[in-house]
Amino acid sequence: MQTDKDIKRINIASPYLKHRIIKTGKILFDRNKRLRVRFTTNAIIEYLDFKPIEDIFTKAVANRFRKKSLSAVTK
């Protein structure tokens, strides 16, 4: 049984991707636990700073699709 794996350089990833990797990923190599904890803490803070902007964007996109769907139904 073969499973595909993605390996990412998390230090150059976007705030969203860092959060997803930290939340759902698996650590394959950890040379320095203190550095990892500091990185994880900073990445979570960065994501939480970014989250309100992401929520506004997601809501705007959903509203736009909803309006397009409604206009297609009424035509």
N, C-alpha and C. Protein backbone atom coordinates (compact mmCIF):
# COMPACT_ATOMS: atom_id res chain seq x y z
N MET A 1 0.84 -1.18 0.00
CA MET A 1 0.00 0.00 0.00
C MET A 1 0.89 1.25 0.00
N GLN A 2 0.72 2.07 -1.01
CA GLN A 2 1.52 3.28 -1.12
C GLN A 2 0.66 4.50 -0.83
N THR A 3 1.19 5.42 -0.04
CA THR A 3 0.49 6.67 0.22
C THR A 3 1.37 7.82 -0.22
N ASP A 4 0.75 8.85 -0.78
CA ASP A 4 1.49 10.03 -1.20
C ASP A 4 1.74 10.93 -0.01
N LYS A 5 2.89 11.55 -0.01
CA LYS A 5 3.27 12.49 1.06
C LYS A 5 3.71 13.79 0.40
N ASP A 6 3.39 14.87 1.05
CA ASP A 6 3.87 16.19 0.64
C ASP A 6 4.89 16.65 1.67
N ILE A 7 6.02 17.09 1.20
CA ILE A 7 7.02 17.67 2.08
C ILE A 7 7.12 19.14 1.74
N LYS A 8 6.95 19.98 2.73
CA LYS A 8 6.94 21.43 2.53
C LYS A 8 8.03 22.08 3.37
N ARG A 9 8.59 23.13 2.83
CA ARG A 9 9.48 23.99 3.62
C ARG A 9 8.57 24.98 4.32
N ILE A 10 8.19 24.64 5.50
CA ILE A 10 7.16 25.39 6.22
C ILE A 10 7.59 26.82 6.55
N ASN A 11 8.88 27.06 6.68
CA ASN A 11 9.33 28.40 7.05
C ASN A 11 9.06 29.45 5.98
N ILE A 12 8.80 29.05 4.73
CA ILE A 12 8.49 30.01 3.67
C ILE A 12 7.03 29.95 3.23
N ALA A 13 6.22 29.20 3.94
CA ALA A 13 4.81 29.03 3.59
C ALA A 13 3.98 30.23 4.04
N SER A 14 2.78 30.33 3.48
CA SER A 14 1.84 31.38 3.87
C SER A 14 1.34 31.12 5.29
N PRO A 15 0.79 32.14 5.96
CA PRO A 15 0.24 31.93 7.31
C PRO A 15 -0.80 30.81 7.34
N TYR A 16 -1.68 30.77 6.34
CA TYR A 16 -2.72 29.74 6.30
C TYR A 16 -2.10 28.35 6.19
N LEU A 17 -1.14 28.20 5.27
CA LEU A 17 -0.53 26.88 5.07
C LEU A 17 0.27 26.45 6.30
N LYS A 18 0.99 27.37 6.92
CA LYS A 18 1.71 27.04 8.15
C LYS A 18 0.74 26.51 9.20
N HIS A 19 -0.39 27.19 9.34
CA HIS A 19 -1.40 26.77 10.33
C HIS A 19 -1.92 25.37 10.02
N ARG A 20 -2.24 25.12 8.75
CA ARG A 20 -2.76 23.80 8.37
C ARG A 20 -1.73 22.71 8.61
N ILE A 21 -0.47 23.01 8.28
CA ILE A 21 0.58 22.01 8.47
C ILE A 21 0.78 21.73 9.96
N ILE A 22 0.82 22.79 10.77
CA ILE A 22 0.99 22.61 12.21
C ILE A 22 -0.19 21.83 12.79
N LYS A 23 -1.39 22.14 12.31
CA LYS A 23 -2.60 21.52 12.85
C LYS A 23 -2.76 20.06 12.41
N THR A 24 -2.46 19.76 11.15
CA THR A 24 -2.77 18.42 10.63
C THR A 24 -1.56 17.63 10.18
N GLY A 25 -0.39 18.28 10.12
CA GLY A 25 0.80 17.61 9.60
C GLY A 25 1.49 16.73 10.63
N LYS A 26 2.52 16.08 10.16
CA LYS A 26 3.29 15.19 11.02
C LYS A 26 4.76 15.61 10.92
N ILE A 27 5.40 15.78 12.05
CA ILE A 27 6.81 16.17 12.07
C ILE A 27 7.66 14.97 11.68
N LEU A 28 8.48 15.15 10.65
CA LEU A 28 9.36 14.08 10.21
C LEU A 28 10.77 14.22 10.78
N PHE A 29 11.16 15.45 11.06
CA PHE A 29 12.51 15.70 11.55
C PHE A 29 12.48 16.92 12.45
N ASP A 30 13.07 16.82 13.62
CA ASP A 30 13.09 17.93 14.57
C ASP A 30 14.45 17.96 15.25
N ARG A 31 15.31 18.82 14.75
CA ARG A 31 16.67 18.91 15.28
C ARG A 31 16.72 19.72 16.57
N ASN A 32 15.81 20.70 16.69
CA ASN A 32 15.88 21.63 17.81
C ASN A 32 14.47 21.91 18.33
N LYS A 33 14.08 21.25 19.40
CA LYS A 33 12.72 21.38 19.92
C LYS A 33 12.40 22.82 20.31
N ARG A 34 13.33 23.52 20.93
CA ARG A 34 13.09 24.91 21.35
C ARG A 34 12.79 25.80 20.13
N LEU A 35 13.55 25.62 19.07
CA LEU A 35 13.33 26.39 17.84
C LEU A 35 11.97 26.05 17.22
N ARG A 36 11.61 24.77 17.24
CA ARG A 36 10.31 24.36 16.69
C ARG A 36 9.16 24.97 17.48
N VAL A 37 9.27 24.96 18.80
CA VAL A 37 8.21 25.53 19.64
C VAL A 37 8.08 27.03 19.38
N ARG A 38 9.22 27.71 19.27
CA ARG A 38 9.19 29.15 19.00
C ARG A 38 8.57 29.42 17.62
N PHE A 39 8.98 28.62 16.62
CA PHE A 39 8.42 28.77 15.27
C PHE A 39 6.92 28.52 15.29
N THR A 40 6.48 27.46 15.95
CA THR A 40 5.06 27.12 16.02
C THR A 40 4.28 28.24 16.68
N THR A 41 4.78 28.77 17.77
CA THR A 41 4.11 29.87 18.46
C THR A 41 3.98 31.09 17.55
N ASN A 42 5.07 31.46 16.90
CA ASN A 42 5.03 32.61 15.99
C ASN A 42 4.10 32.37 14.81
N ALA A 43 4.09 31.16 14.28
CA ALA A 43 3.23 30.84 13.15
C ALA A 43 1.75 30.93 13.55
N ILE A 44 1.42 30.46 14.73
CA ILE A 44 0.03 30.54 15.20
C ILE A 44 -0.38 31.99 15.42
N ILE A 45 0.50 32.78 16.01
CA ILE A 45 0.20 34.21 16.20
C ILE A 45 0.01 34.89 14.85
N GLU A 46 0.89 34.59 13.90
CA GLU A 46 0.79 35.17 12.55
C GLU A 46 -0.54 34.79 11.90
N TYR A 47 -0.93 33.51 12.05
CA TYR A 47 -2.20 33.06 11.47
C TYR A 47 -3.38 33.76 12.14
N LEU A 48 -3.37 33.88 13.45
CA LEU A 48 -4.48 34.53 14.15
C LEU A 48 -4.57 36.01 13.78
N ASP A 49 -3.44 36.65 13.50
CA ASP A 49 -3.47 38.03 13.00
C ASP A 49 -4.09 38.09 11.61
N PHE A 50 -3.83 37.08 10.79
CA PHE A 50 -4.30 37.01 9.41
C PHE A 50 -5.75 36.54 9.30
N LYS A 51 -6.23 35.79 10.26
CA LYS A 51 -7.55 35.14 10.21
C LYS A 51 -8.71 36.10 9.95
N PRO A 52 -8.80 37.27 10.59
CA PRO A 52 -9.93 38.17 10.28
C PRO A 52 -9.97 38.60 8.81
N ILE A 53 -8.81 38.80 8.21
CA ILE A 53 -8.76 39.17 6.79
C ILE A 53 -9.23 37.99 5.94
N GLU A 54 -8.79 36.80 6.29
CA GLU A 54 -9.23 35.60 5.58
C GLU A 54 -10.74 35.44 5.69
N ASP A 55 -11.31 35.67 6.86
CA ASP A 55 -12.75 35.54 7.05
C ASP A 55 -13.52 36.54 6.19
N ILE A 56 -13.03 37.79 6.11
CA ILE A 56 -13.69 38.81 5.27
C ILE A 56 -13.64 38.38 3.82
N PHE A 57 -12.50 37.91 3.36
CA PHE A 57 -12.36 37.47 1.98
C PHE A 57 -13.28 36.30 1.67
N THR A 58 -13.28 35.30 2.55
CA THR A 58 -14.12 34.11 2.34
C THR A 58 -15.59 34.49 2.29
N LYS A 59 -16.02 35.38 3.17
CA LYS A 59 -17.41 35.82 3.19
C LYS A 59 -17.75 36.57 1.90
N ALA A 60 -16.86 37.43 1.42
CA ALA A 60 -17.09 38.18 0.19
C ALA A 60 -17.21 37.25 -1.01
N VAL A 61 -16.34 36.26 -1.08
CA VAL A 61 -16.39 35.30 -2.19
C VAL A 61 -17.68 34.49 -2.14
N ALA A 62 -18.06 34.04 -0.95
CA ALA A 62 -19.30 33.27 -0.80
C ALA A 62 -20.50 34.10 -1.20
N ASN A 63 -20.55 35.37 -0.80
CA ASN A 63 -21.66 36.25 -1.19
C ASN A 63 -21.71 36.44 -2.69
N ARG A 64 -20.56 36.60 -3.31
CA ARG A 64 -20.53 36.79 -4.76
C ARG A 64 -21.07 35.57 -5.49
N PHE A 65 -20.65 34.37 -5.06
CA PHE A 65 -21.16 33.15 -5.68
C PHE A 65 -22.66 32.99 -5.42
N ARG A 66 -23.08 33.33 -4.23
CA ARG A 66 -24.50 33.24 -3.89
C ARG A 66 -25.32 34.16 -4.79
N LYS A 67 -24.86 35.39 -5.00
CA LYS A 67 -25.57 36.34 -5.86
C LYS A 67 -25.62 35.86 -7.30
N LYS A 68 -24.51 35.28 -7.79
CA LYS A 68 -24.48 34.75 -9.16
C LYS A 68 -25.44 33.56 -9.28
N SER A 69 -25.50 32.72 -8.27
CA SER A 69 -26.39 31.57 -8.31
C SER A 69 -27.84 32.02 -8.32
N LEU A 70 -28.18 33.03 -7.51
CA LEU A 70 -29.54 33.54 -7.48
C LEU A 70 -29.91 34.22 -8.79
N SER A 71 -28.99 34.95 -9.39
CA SER A 71 -29.31 35.62 -10.65
C SER A 71 -29.49 34.60 -11.78
N ALA A 72 -28.80 33.48 -11.73
CA ALA A 72 -28.96 32.43 -12.73
C ALA A 72 -30.31 31.76 -12.59
N VAL A 73 -30.83 31.64 -11.38
CA VAL A 73 -32.12 31.00 -11.14
C VAL A 73 -33.27 31.90 -11.63
N THR A 74 -33.12 33.20 -11.44
CA THR A 74 -34.21 34.12 -11.80
C THR A 74 -34.26 34.44 -13.28
N LYS A 75 -33.24 34.05 -14.05
CA LYS A 75 -33.24 34.31 -15.51
C LYS A 75 -34.02 33.28 -16.25
